Amino acid sequence: MASLEQQKEYNPKVLEIMAQNGVMIGEMRVVDFFYFTKNKTAARQLREDLVAAGFNTDLAKQGWFRPTWTVSGKARVQATVEHLNAFCERMWKYGDARGIEFDGWGAEV
């Protein structure tokens, strides 16, 4: 998983690739976001926090012996470095409040 600063360093690079594939800089885009944790309780609490903030999220279990919990969802974000950085900062804070690292975002192009 990347740190918040690393994620913010990726944003201009990813945005450039998106633009090369037809995404208009500045347009609203649907992005997927992800968190992973071994802590079921923290994952449930994070999901509740995100739902309360207006995000549509899913909670999924991966594996059986030592399961990993995935909190994922979708958000609309303006395709600019500034807005993507602000989105990452906001999502990082939600995860940090529950001891879960924000794994990042992705988008279809």
PDB file of N, CA and C in Angstrom:
ATOM      1  N   MET A   1       0.833  -1.177   0.000  1.00  0.00           N
ATOM      2  CA  MET A   1       0.000   0.000   0.000  1.00  0.00           C
ATOM      3  C   MET A   1       0.884   1.248   0.000  1.00  0.00           C
ATOM      4  N   ALA A   2       0.433   2.224  -0.673  1.00  0.00           N
ATOM      5  CA  ALA A   2       1.187   3.465  -0.792  1.00  0.00           C
ATOM      6  C   ALA A   2       0.780   4.448   0.301  1.00  0.00           C
ATOM      7  N   SER A   3       1.736   5.269   0.703  1.00  0.00           N
ATOM      8  CA  SER A   3       1.425   6.327   1.660  1.00  0.00           C
ATOM      9  C   SER A   3       0.573   7.390   0.966  1.00  0.00           C
ATOM     10  N   LEU A   4       0.013   8.281   1.753  1.00  0.00           N
ATOM     11  CA  LEU A   4      -0.781   9.363   1.186  1.00  0.00           C
ATOM     12  C   LEU A   4       0.065  10.195   0.223  1.00  0.00           C
ATOM     13  N   GLU A   5       1.288  10.493   0.607  1.00  0.00           N
ATOM     14  CA  GLU A   5       2.156  11.296  -0.271  1.00  0.00           C
ATOM     15  C   GLU A   5       2.457  10.559  -1.579  1.00  0.00           C
ATOM     16  N   GLN A   6       2.656   9.256  -1.502  1.00  0.00           N
ATOM     17  CA  GLN A   6       2.893   8.480  -2.724  1.00  0.00           C
ATOM     18  C   GLN A   6       1.651   8.485  -3.614  1.00  0.00           C
ATOM     19  N   GLN A   7       0.485   8.344  -2.992  1.00  0.00           N
ATOM     20  CA  GLN A   7      -0.749   8.378  -3.780  1.00  0.00           C
ATOM     21  C   GLN A   7      -0.904   9.729  -4.477  1.00  0.00           C
ATOM     22  N   LYS A   8      -0.571  10.793  -3.770  1.00  0.00           N
ATOM     23  CA  LYS A   8      -0.679  12.120  -4.368  1.00  0.00           C
ATOM     24  C   LYS A   8       0.360  12.311  -5.483  1.00  0.00           C
ATOM     25  N   GLU A   9       1.484  11.620  -5.385  1.00  0.00           N
ATOM     26  CA  GLU A   9       2.476  11.659  -6.459  1.00  0.00           C
ATOM     27  C   GLU A   9       1.972  10.901  -7.692  1.00  0.00           C
ATOM     28  N   TYR A  10       1.198   9.840  -7.488  1.00  0.00           N
ATOM     29  CA  TYR A  10       0.649   9.054  -8.602  1.00  0.00           C
ATOM     30  C   TYR A  10      -0.439   9.816  -9.361  1.00  0.00           C
ATOM     31  N   ASN A  11      -1.172  10.669  -8.673  1.00  0.00           N
ATOM     32  CA  ASN A  11      -2.343  11.308  -9.291  1.00  0.00           C
ATOM     33  C   ASN A  11      -2.040  12.016 -10.609  1.00  0.00           C
ATOM     34  N   PRO A  12      -0.992  12.839 -10.719  1.00  0.00           N
ATOM     35  CA  PRO A  12      -0.733  13.487 -12.013  1.00  0.00           C
ATOM     36  C   PRO A  12      -0.403  12.470 -13.112  1.00  0.00           C
ATOM     37  N   LYS A  13       0.315  11.410 -12.743  1.00  0.00           N
ATOM     38  CA  LYS A  13       0.693  10.386 -13.712  1.00  0.00           C
ATOM     39  C   LYS A  13      -0.529   9.625 -14.204  1.00  0.00           C
ATOM     40  N   VAL A  14      -1.399   9.253 -13.269  1.00  0.00           N
ATOM     41  CA  VAL A  14      -2.610   8.523 -13.637  1.00  0.00           C
ATOM     42  C   VAL A  14      -3.530   9.420 -14.455  1.00  0.00           C
ATOM     43  N   LEU A  15      -3.641  10.677 -14.063  1.00  0.00           N
ATOM     44  CA  LEU A  15      -4.479  11.614 -14.800  1.00  0.00           C
ATOM     45  C   LEU A  15      -3.965  11.788 -16.234  1.00  0.00           C
ATOM     46  N   GLU A  16      -2.665  11.818 -16.411  1.00  0.00           N
ATOM     47  CA  GLU A  16      -2.078  11.931 -17.751  1.00  0.00           C
ATOM     48  C   GLU A  16      -2.438  10.709 -18.604  1.00  0.00           C
ATOM     49  N   ILE A  17      -2.355   9.534 -18.022  1.00  0.00           N
ATOM     50  CA  ILE A  17      -2.731   8.307 -18.744  1.00  0.00           C
ATOM     51  C   ILE A  17      -4.216   8.335 -19.092  1.00  0.00           C
ATOM     52  N   MET A  18      -5.027   8.791 -18.149  1.00  0.00           N
ATOM     53  CA  MET A  18      -6.461   8.897 -18.420  1.00  0.00           C
ATOM     54  C   MET A  18      -6.716   9.848 -19.591  1.00  0.00           C
ATOM     55  N   ALA A  19      -6.017  10.991 -19.612  1.00  0.00           N
ATOM     56  CA  ALA A  19      -6.190  11.971 -20.685  1.00  0.00           C
ATOM     57  C   ALA A  19      -5.761  11.386 -22.031  1.00  0.00           C
ATOM     58  N   GLN A  20      -4.705  10.598 -22.017  1.00  0.00           N
ATOM     59  CA  GLN A  20      -4.236   9.953 -23.248  1.00  0.00           C
ATOM     60  C   GLN A  20      -5.259   8.947 -23.776  1.00  0.00           C
ATOM     61  N   ASN A  21      -6.154   8.525 -22.893  1.00  0.00           N
ATOM     62  CA  ASN A  21      -7.169   7.552 -23.268  1.00  0.00           C
ATOM     63  C   ASN A  21      -8.563   8.169 -23.370  1.00  0.00           C
ATOM     64  N   GLY A  22      -8.612   9.482 -23.584  1.00  0.00           N
ATOM     65  CA  GLY A  22      -9.866  10.129 -23.896  1.00  0.00           C
ATOM     66  C   GLY A  22     -10.598  10.828 -22.774  1.00  0.00           C
ATOM     67  N   VAL A  23     -10.079  10.772 -21.564  1.00  0.00           N
ATOM     68  CA  VAL A  23     -10.732  11.464 -20.451  1.00  0.00           C
ATOM     69  C   VAL A  23     -10.410  12.951 -20.551  1.00  0.00           C
ATOM     70  N   MET A  24     -11.429  13.765 -20.440  1.00  0.00           N
ATOM     71  CA  MET A  24     -11.251  15.214 -20.473  1.00  0.00           C
ATOM     72  C   MET A  24     -10.866  15.699 -19.075  1.00  0.00           C
ATOM     73  N   ILE A  25      -9.741  16.397 -18.976  1.00  0.00           N
ATOM     74  CA  ILE A  25      -9.316  16.949 -17.697  1.00  0.00           C
ATOM     75  C   ILE A  25     -10.396  17.925 -17.217  1.00  0.00           C
ATOM     76  N   GLY A  26     -10.796  17.780 -15.980  1.00  0.00           N
ATOM     77  CA  GLY A  26     -11.806  18.644 -15.392  1.00  0.00           C
ATOM     78  C   GLY A  26     -13.206  18.060 -15.374  1.00  0.00           C
ATOM     79  N   GLU A  27     -13.436  16.981 -16.141  1.00  0.00           N
ATOM     80  CA  GLU A  27     -14.775  16.392 -16.136  1.00  0.00           C
ATOM     81  C   GLU A  27     -14.979  15.554 -14.875  1.00  0.00           C
ATOM     82  N   MET A  28     -16.223  15.370 -14.511  1.00  0.00           N
ATOM     83  CA  MET A  28     -16.553  14.517 -13.375  1.00  0.00           C
ATOM     84  C   MET A  28     -16.408  13.065 -13.806  1.00  0.00           C
ATOM     85  N   ARG A  29     -15.760  12.269 -12.969  1.00  0.00           N
ATOM     86  CA  ARG A  29     -15.550  10.855 -13.267  1.00  0.00           C
ATOM     87  C   ARG A  29     -15.955  10.020 -12.061  1.00  0.00           C
ATOM     88  N   VAL A  30     -16.440   8.829 -12.332  1.00  0.00           N
ATOM     89  CA  VAL A  30     -16.693   7.873 -11.261  1.00  0.00           C
ATOM     90  C   VAL A  30     -15.388   7.130 -10.998  1.00  0.00           C
ATOM     91  N   VAL A  31     -14.981   7.136  -9.741  1.00  0.00           N
ATOM     92  CA  VAL A  31     -13.779   6.403  -9.350  1.00  0.00           C
ATOM     93  C   VAL A  31     -14.158   5.347  -8.316  1.00  0.00           C
ATOM     94  N   ASP A  32     -13.423   4.261  -8.328  1.00  0.00           N
ATOM     95  CA  ASP A  32     -13.565   3.207  -7.327  1.00  0.00           C
ATOM     96  C   ASP A  32     -12.500   3.441  -6.257  1.00  0.00           C
ATOM     97  N   PHE A  33     -12.847   3.172  -5.007  1.00  0.00           N
ATOM     98  CA  PHE A  33     -11.854   3.314  -3.940  1.00  0.00           C
ATOM     99  C   PHE A  33     -11.837   2.054  -3.085  1.00  0.00           C
ATOM    100  N   PHE A  34     -10.703   1.845  -2.389  1.00  0.00           N
ATOM    101  CA  PHE A  34     -10.466   0.580  -1.707  1.00  0.00           C
ATOM    102  C   PHE A  34      -9.753   0.756  -0.373  1.00  0.00           C
ATOM    103  N   TYR A  35     -10.136  -0.083   0.564  1.00  0.00           N
ATOM    104  CA  TYR A  35      -9.444  -0.242   1.842  1.00  0.00           C
ATOM    105  C   TYR A  35      -9.374  -1.743   2.116  1.00  0.00           C
ATOM    106  N   PHE A  36      -8.287  -2.193   2.763  1.00  0.00           N
ATOM    107  CA  PHE A  36      -8.147  -3.601   3.142  1.00  0.00           C
ATOM    108  C   PHE A  36      -7.688  -3.670   4.588  1.00  0.00           C
ATOM    109  N   THR A  37      -8.254  -4.614   5.348  1.00  0.00           N
ATOM    110  CA  THR A  37      -7.851  -4.781   6.739  1.00  0.00           C
ATOM    111  C   THR A  37      -8.145  -6.214   7.192  1.00  0.00           C
ATOM    112  N   LYS A  38      -7.455  -6.637   8.212  1.00  0.00           N
ATOM    113  CA  LYS A  38      -7.727  -7.929   8.863  1.00  0.00           C
ATOM    114  C   LYS A  38      -8.755  -7.764   9.984  1.00  0.00           C
ATOM    115  N   ASN A  39      -9.071  -6.526  10.338  1.00  0.00           N
ATOM    116  CA  ASN A  39      -9.940  -6.218  11.472  1.00  0.00           C
ATOM    117  C   ASN A  39     -11.390  -6.042  11.003  1.00  0.00           C
ATOM    118  N   LYS A  40     -12.207  -7.040  11.265  1.00  0.00           N
ATOM    119  CA  LYS A  40     -13.604  -7.034  10.832  1.00  0.00           C
ATOM    120  C   LYS A  40     -14.388  -5.871  11.445  1.00  0.00           C
ATOM    121  N   THR A  41     -14.187  -5.636  12.727  1.00  0.00           N
ATOM    122  CA  THR A  41     -14.913  -4.561  13.414  1.00  0.00           C
ATOM    123  C   THR A  41     -14.552  -3.206  12.823  1.00  0.00           C
ATOM    124  N   ALA A  42     -13.277  -2.963  12.609  1.00  0.00           N
ATOM    125  CA  ALA A  42     -12.842  -1.688  12.035  1.00  0.00           C
ATOM    126  C   ALA A  42     -13.395  -1.524  10.619  1.00  0.00           C
ATOM    127  N   ALA A  43     -13.430  -2.610   9.852  1.00  0.00           N
ATOM    128  CA  ALA A  43     -13.971  -2.545   8.490  1.00  0.00           C
ATOM    129  C   ALA A  43     -15.449  -2.171   8.520  1.00  0.00           C
ATOM    130  N   ARG A  44     -16.193  -2.767   9.424  1.00  0.00           N
ATOM    131  CA  ARG A  44     -17.625  -2.435   9.538  1.00  0.00           C
ATOM    132  C   ARG A  44     -17.824  -0.983   9.954  1.00  0.00           C
ATOM    133  N   GLN A  45     -17.012  -0.528  10.898  1.00  0.00           N
ATOM    134  CA  GLN A  45     -17.125   0.860  11.354  1.00  0.00           C
ATOM    135  C   GLN A  45     -16.766   1.835  10.235  1.00  0.00           C
ATOM    136  N   LEU A  46     -15.720   1.510   9.476  1.00  0.00           N
ATOM    137  CA  LEU A  46     -15.330   2.365   8.356  1.00  0.00           C
ATOM    138  C   LEU A  46     -16.447   2.431   7.329  1.00  0.00           C
ATOM    139  N   ARG A  47     -17.026   1.290   7.024  1.00  0.00           N
ATOM    140  CA  ARG A  47     -18.134   1.278   6.063  1.00  0.00           C
ATOM    141  C   ARG A  47     -19.270   2.171   6.558  1.00  0.00           C
ATOM    142  N   GLU A  48     -19.605   2.077   7.836  1.00  0.00           N
ATOM    143  CA  GLU A  48     -20.658   2.922   8.403  1.00  0.00           C
ATOM    144  C   GLU A  48     -20.300   4.412   8.293  1.00  0.00           C
ATOM    145  N   ASP A  49     -19.043   4.745   8.545  1.00  0.00           N
ATOM    146  CA  ASP A  49     -18.588   6.139   8.425  1.00  0.00           C
ATOM    147  C   ASP A  49     -18.767   6.636   6.995  1.00  0.00           C
ATOM    148  N   LEU A  50     -18.378   5.809   6.035  1.00  0.00           N
ATOM    149  CA  LEU A  50     -18.459   6.201   4.630  1.00  0.00           C
ATOM    150  C   LEU A  50     -19.905   6.328   4.157  1.00  0.00           C
ATOM    151  N   VAL A  51     -20.756   5.410   4.603  1.00  0.00           N
ATOM    152  CA  VAL A  51     -22.183   5.485   4.254  1.00  0.00           C
ATOM    153  C   VAL A  51     -22.786   6.759   4.844  1.00  0.00           C
ATOM    154  N   ALA A  52     -22.439   7.071   6.092  1.00  0.00           N
ATOM    155  CA  ALA A  52     -22.947   8.288   6.735  1.00  0.00           C
ATOM    156  C   ALA A  52     -22.488   9.545   5.992  1.00  0.00           C
ATOM    157  N   ALA A  53     -21.321   9.455   5.331  1.00  0.00           N
ATOM    158  CA  ALA A  53     -20.797  10.590   4.568  1.00  0.00           C
ATOM    159  C   ALA A  53     -21.367  10.639   3.152  1.00  0.00           C
ATOM    160  N   GLY A  54     -22.226   9.670   2.814  1.00  0.00           N
ATOM    161  CA  GLY A  54     -22.886   9.690   1.515  1.00  0.00           C
ATOM    162  C   GLY A  54     -22.277   8.803   0.451  1.00  0.00           C
ATOM    163  N   PHE A  55     -21.310   7.988   0.820  1.00  0.00           N
ATOM    164  CA  PHE A  55     -20.693   7.089  -0.149  1.00  0.00           C
ATOM    165  C   PHE A  55     -21.443   5.759  -0.211  1.00  0.00           C
ATOM    166  N   ASN A  56     -21.565   5.226  -1.414  1.00  0.00           N
ATOM    167  CA  ASN A  56     -22.129   3.898  -1.612  1.00  0.00           C
ATOM    168  C   ASN A  56     -20.972   2.912  -1.490  1.00  0.00           C
ATOM    169  N   THR A  57     -21.018   2.047  -0.486  1.00  0.00           N
ATOM    170  CA  THR A  57     -19.880   1.169  -0.226  1.00  0.00           C
ATOM    171  C   THR A  57     -20.305  -0.281  -0.096  1.00  0.00           C
ATOM    172  N   ASP A  58     -19.315  -1.153  -0.245  1.00  0.00           N
ATOM    173  CA  ASP A  58     -19.495  -2.589  -0.049  1.00  0.00           C
ATOM    174  C   ASP A  58     -18.477  -3.067   0.968  1.00  0.00           C
ATOM    175  N   LEU A  59     -18.837  -4.121   1.675  1.00  0.00           N
ATOM    176  CA  LEU A  59     -17.934  -4.778   2.612  1.00  0.00           C
ATOM    177  C   LEU A  59     -17.869  -6.232   2.202  1.00  0.00           C
ATOM    178  N   ALA A  60     -16.672  -6.734   1.957  1.00  0.00           N
ATOM    179  CA  ALA A  60     -16.520  -8.111   1.496  1.00  0.00           C
ATOM    180  C   ALA A  60     -15.396  -8.802   2.273  1.00  0.00           C
ATOM    181  N   LYS A  61     -15.565 -10.095   2.442  1.00  0.00           N
ATOM    182  CA  LYS A  61     -14.574 -10.921   3.114  1.00  0.00           C
ATOM    183  C   LYS A  61     -13.831 -11.730   2.062  1.00  0.00           C
ATOM    184  N   GLN A  62     -12.509 -11.736   2.163  1.00  0.00           N
ATOM    185  CA  GLN A  62     -11.679 -12.534   1.257  1.00  0.00           C
ATOM    186  C   GLN A  62     -10.888 -13.519   2.093  1.00  0.00           C
ATOM    187  N   GLY A  63     -11.009 -14.794   1.772  1.00  0.00           N
ATOM    188  CA  GLY A  63     -10.277 -15.822   2.501  1.00  0.00           C
ATOM    189  C   GLY A  63     -11.053 -16.322   3.704  1.00  0.00           C
ATOM    190  N   TRP A  64     -10.601 -17.456   4.234  1.00  0.00           N
ATOM    191  CA  TRP A  64     -11.321 -18.069   5.351  1.00  0.00           C
ATOM    192  C   TRP A  64     -10.474 -18.206   6.597  1.00  0.00           C
ATOM    193  N   PHE A  65      -9.265 -18.696   6.474  1.00  0.00           N
ATOM    194  CA  PHE A  65      -8.452 -18.948   7.654  1.00  0.00           C
ATOM    195  C   PHE A  65      -8.010 -17.653   8.319  1.00  0.00           C
ATOM    196  N   ARG A  66      -7.468 -16.750   7.551  1.00  0.00           N
ATOM    197  CA  ARG A  66      -7.091 -15.412   8.021  1.00  0.00           C
ATOM    198  C   ARG A  66      -7.698 -14.406   7.053  1.00  0.00           C
ATOM    199  N   PRO A  67      -8.975 -14.136   7.202  1.00  0.00           N
ATOM    200  CA  PRO A  67      -9.669 -13.302   6.211  1.00  0.00           C
ATOM    201  C   PRO A  67      -9.185 -11.857   6.183  1.00  0.00           C
ATOM    202  N   THR A  68      -9.286 -11.282   5.014  1.00  0.00           N
ATOM    203  CA  THR A  68      -9.067  -9.864   4.811  1.00  0.00           C
ATOM    204  C   THR A  68     -10.417  -9.256   4.479  1.00  0.00           C
ATOM    205  N   TRP A  69     -10.700  -8.141   5.079  1.00  0.00           N
ATOM    206  CA  TRP A  69     -11.956  -7.432   4.828  1.00  0.00           C
ATOM    207  C   TRP A  69     -11.679  -6.289   3.875  1.00  0.00           C
ATOM    208  N   THR A  70     -12.489  -6.179   2.852  1.00  0.00           N
ATOM    209  CA  THR A  70     -12.362  -5.132   1.851  1.00  0.00           C
ATOM    210  C   THR A  70     -13.548  -4.195   1.957  1.00  0.00           C
ATOM    211  N   VAL A  71     -13.256  -2.923   2.105  1.00  0.00           N
ATOM    212  CA  VAL A  71     -14.280  -1.887   2.028  1.00  0.00           C
ATOM    213  C   VAL A  71     -14.010  -1.162   0.713  1.00  0.00           C
ATOM    214  N   SER A  72     -14.993  -1.155  -0.152  1.00  0.00           N
ATOM    215  CA  SER A  72     -14.816  -0.508  -1.454  1.00  0.00           C
ATOM    216  C   SER A  72     -16.069   0.274  -1.797  1.00  0.00           C
ATOM    217  N   GLY A  73     -15.932   1.153  -2.750  1.00  0.00           N
ATOM    218  CA  GLY A  73     -17.084   1.932  -3.159  1.00  0.00           C
ATOM    219  C   GLY A  73     -16.777   2.776  -4.373  1.00  0.00           C
ATOM    220  N   LYS A  74     -17.724   3.627  -4.691  1.00  0.00           N
ATOM    221  CA  LYS A  74     -17.605   4.519  -5.837  1.00  0.00           C
ATOM    222  C   LYS A  74     -17.867   5.956  -5.386  1.00  0.00           C
ATOM    223  N   ALA A  75     -17.209   6.874  -6.070  1.00  0.00           N
ATOM    224  CA  ALA A  75     -17.400   8.302  -5.801  1.00  0.00           C
ATOM    225  C   ALA A  75     -17.243   9.056  -7.112  1.00  0.00           C
ATOM    226  N   ARG A  76     -17.872  10.210  -7.171  1.00  0.00           N
ATOM    227  CA  ARG A  76     -17.689  11.096  -8.332  1.00  0.00           C
ATOM    228  C   ARG A  76     -16.669  12.153  -7.940  1.00  0.00           C
ATOM    229  N   VAL A  77     -15.632  12.270  -8.783  1.00  0.00           N
ATOM    230  CA  VAL A  77     -14.546  13.201  -8.502  1.00  0.00           C
ATOM    231  C   VAL A  77     -14.210  13.941  -9.793  1.00  0.00           C
ATOM    232  N   GLN A  78     -13.938  15.226  -9.671  1.00  0.00           N
ATOM    233  CA  GLN A  78     -13.511  15.990 -10.838  1.00  0.00           C
ATOM    234  C   GLN A  78     -12.089  15.571 -11.200  1.00  0.00           C
ATOM    235  N   ALA A  79     -11.857  15.313 -12.481  1.00  0.00           N
ATOM    236  CA  ALA A  79     -10.575  14.801 -12.966  1.00  0.00           C
ATOM    237  C   ALA A  79      -9.542  15.926 -13.081  1.00  0.00           C
ATOM    238  N   THR A  80      -9.084  16.381 -11.914  1.00  0.00           N
ATOM    239  CA  THR A  80      -7.972  17.328 -11.845  1.00  0.00           C
ATOM    240  C   THR A  80      -7.057  16.850 -10.726  1.00  0.00           C
ATOM    241  N   VAL A  81      -5.799  17.222 -10.792  1.00  0.00           N
ATOM    242  CA  VAL A  81      -4.858  16.827  -9.743  1.00  0.00           C
ATOM    243  C   VAL A  81      -5.326  17.342  -8.390  1.00  0.00           C
ATOM    244  N   GLU A  82      -5.781  18.589  -8.350  1.00  0.00           N
ATOM    245  CA  GLU A  82      -6.202  19.182  -7.077  1.00  0.00           C
ATOM    246  C   GLU A  82      -7.363  18.410  -6.454  1.00  0.00           C
ATOM    247  N   HIS A  83      -8.361  18.080  -7.268  1.00  0.00           N
ATOM    248  CA  HIS A  83      -9.520  17.360  -6.737  1.00  0.00           C
ATOM    249  C   HIS A  83      -9.172  15.918  -6.366  1.00  0.00           C
ATOM    250  N   LEU A  84      -8.327  15.266  -7.141  1.00  0.00           N
ATOM    251  CA  LEU A  84      -7.923  13.907  -6.801  1.00  0.00           C
ATOM    252  C   LEU A  84      -7.082  13.892  -5.529  1.00  0.00           C
ATOM    253  N   ASN A  85      -6.213  14.881  -5.362  1.00  0.00           N
ATOM    254  CA  ASN A  85      -5.433  14.964  -4.123  1.00  0.00           C
ATOM    255  C   ASN A  85      -6.340  15.189  -2.924  1.00  0.00           C
ATOM    256  N   ALA A  86      -7.312  16.085  -3.070  1.00  0.00           N
ATOM    257  CA  ALA A  86      -8.252  16.349  -1.971  1.00  0.00           C
ATOM    258  C   ALA A  86      -9.073  15.100  -1.658  1.00  0.00           C
ATOM    259  N   PHE A  87      -9.473  14.365  -2.690  1.00  0.00           N
ATOM    260  CA  PHE A  87     -10.218  13.122  -2.496  1.00  0.00           C
ATOM    261  C   PHE A  87      -9.362  12.127  -1.707  1.00  0.00           C
ATOM    262  N   CYS A  88      -8.102  11.963  -2.103  1.00  0.00           N
ATOM    263  CA  CYS A  88      -7.217  11.032  -1.394  1.00  0.00           C
ATOM    264  C   CYS A  88      -7.044  11.447   0.063  1.00  0.00           C
ATOM    265  N   GLU A  89      -6.873  12.744   0.311  1.00  0.00           N
ATOM    266  CA  GLU A  89      -6.727  13.223   1.689  1.00  0.00           C
ATOM    267  C   GLU A  89      -7.973  12.904   2.510  1.00  0.00           C
ATOM    268  N   ARG A  90      -9.125  13.143   1.922  1.00  0.00           N
ATOM    269  CA  ARG A  90     -10.391  12.878   2.631  1.00  0.00           C
ATOM    270  C   ARG A  90     -10.542  11.392   2.932  1.00  0.00           C
ATOM    271  N   MET A  91     -10.278  10.556   1.935  1.00  0.00           N
ATOM    272  CA  MET A  91     -10.435   9.118   2.129  1.00  0.00           C
ATOM    273  C   MET A  91      -9.397   8.586   3.113  1.00  0.00           C
ATOM    274  N   TRP A  92      -8.203   9.163   3.081  1.00  0.00           N
ATOM    275  CA  TRP A  92      -7.159   8.750   4.019  1.00  0.00           C
ATOM    276  C   TRP A  92      -7.620   9.024   5.453  1.00  0.00           C
ATOM    277  N   LYS A  93      -8.247  10.173   5.679  1.00  0.00           N
ATOM    278  CA  LYS A  93      -8.709  10.527   7.025  1.00  0.00           C
ATOM    279  C   LYS A  93      -9.767   9.550   7.536  1.00  0.00           C
ATOM    280  N   TYR A  94     -10.689   9.151   6.652  1.00  0.00           N
ATOM    281  CA  TYR A  94     -11.696   8.161   7.073  1.00  0.00           C
ATOM    282  C   TYR A  94     -11.025   6.873   7.518  1.00  0.00           C
ATOM    283  N   GLY A  95     -10.101   6.378   6.732  1.00  0.00           N
ATOM    284  CA  GLY A  95      -9.410   5.141   7.083  1.00  0.00           C
ATOM    285  C   GLY A  95      -8.572   5.295   8.335  1.00  0.00           C
ATOM    286  N   ASP A  96      -7.839   6.391   8.425  1.00  0.00           N
ATOM    287  CA  ASP A  96      -6.962   6.627   9.565  1.00  0.00           C
ATOM    288  C   ASP A  96      -7.740   6.644  10.876  1.00  0.00           C
ATOM    289  N   ALA A  97      -8.959   7.171  10.841  1.00  0.00           N
ATOM    290  CA  ALA A  97      -9.793   7.224  12.050  1.00  0.00           C
ATOM    291  C   ALA A  97     -10.119   5.822  12.568  1.00  0.00           C
ATOM    292  N   ARG A  98     -10.043   4.823  11.698  1.00  0.00           N
ATOM    293  CA  ARG A  98     -10.346   3.434  12.087  1.00  0.00           C
ATOM    294  C   ARG A  98      -9.110   2.538  12.057  1.00  0.00           C
ATOM    295  N   GLY A  99      -7.935   3.133  11.841  1.00  0.00           N
ATOM    296  CA  GLY A  99      -6.705   2.356  11.806  1.00  0.00           C
ATOM    297  C   GLY A  99      -6.548   1.533  10.538  1.00  0.00           C
ATOM    298  N   ILE A 100      -7.174   1.992   9.455  1.00  0.00           N
ATOM    299  CA  ILE A 100      -7.125   1.269   8.177  1.00  0.00           C
ATOM    300  C   ILE A 100      -6.510   2.181   7.128  1.00  0.00           C
ATOM    301  N   GLU A 101      -5.534   1.662   6.403  1.00  0.00           N
ATOM    302  CA  GLU A 101      -4.884   2.462   5.371  1.00  0.00           C
ATOM    303  C   GLU A 101      -5.728   2.481   4.095  1.00  0.00           C
ATOM    304  N   PHE A 102      -5.895   3.683   3.564  1.00  0.00           N
ATOM    305  CA  PHE A 102      -6.573   3.864   2.273  1.00  0.00           C
ATOM    306  C   PHE A 102      -5.671   3.292   1.197  1.00  0.00           C
ATOM    307  N   ASP A 103      -6.189   2.350   0.406  1.00  0.00           N
ATOM    308  CA  ASP A 103      -5.373   1.682  -0.600  1.00  0.00           C
ATOM    309  C   ASP A 103      -5.340   2.434  -1.924  1.00  0.00           C
ATOM    310  N   GLY A 104      -6.255   3.360  -2.128  1.00  0.00           N
ATOM    311  CA  GLY A 104      -6.218   4.153  -3.353  1.00  0.00           C
ATOM    312  C   GLY A 104      -7.512   4.100  -4.144  1.00  0.00           C
ATOM    313  N   TRP A 105      -7.421   4.614  -5.359  1.00  0.00           N
ATOM    314  CA  TRP A 105      -8.585   4.721  -6.223  1.00  0.00           C
ATOM    315  C   TRP A 105      -8.206   4.241  -7.620  1.00  0.00           C
ATOM    316  N   GLY A 106      -9.224   3.977  -8.407  1.00  0.00           N
ATOM    317  CA  GLY A 106      -9.026   3.600  -9.804  1.00  0.00           C
ATOM    318  C   GLY A 106     -10.245   4.038 -10.593  1.00  0.00           C
ATOM    319  N   ALA A 107     -10.096   4.102 -11.909  1.00  0.00           N
ATOM    320  CA  ALA A 107     -11.193   4.522 -12.765  1.00  0.00           C
ATOM    321  C   ALA A 107     -11.101   3.823 -14.107  1.00  0.00           C
ATOM    322  N   GLU A 108     -12.244   3.596 -14.722  1.00  0.00           N
ATOM    323  CA  GLU A 108     -12.267   3.048 -16.069  1.00  0.00           C
ATOM    324  C   GLU A 108     -12.019   4.181 -17.052  1.00  0.00           C
ATOM    325  N   VAL A 109     -11.316   3.858 -18.117  1.00  0.00           N
ATOM    326  CA  VAL A 109     -11.112   4.854 -19.185  1.00  0.00           C
ATOM    327  C   VAL A 109     -11.588   4.273 -20.504  1.00  0.00           C
TER     328      VAL A 109
END
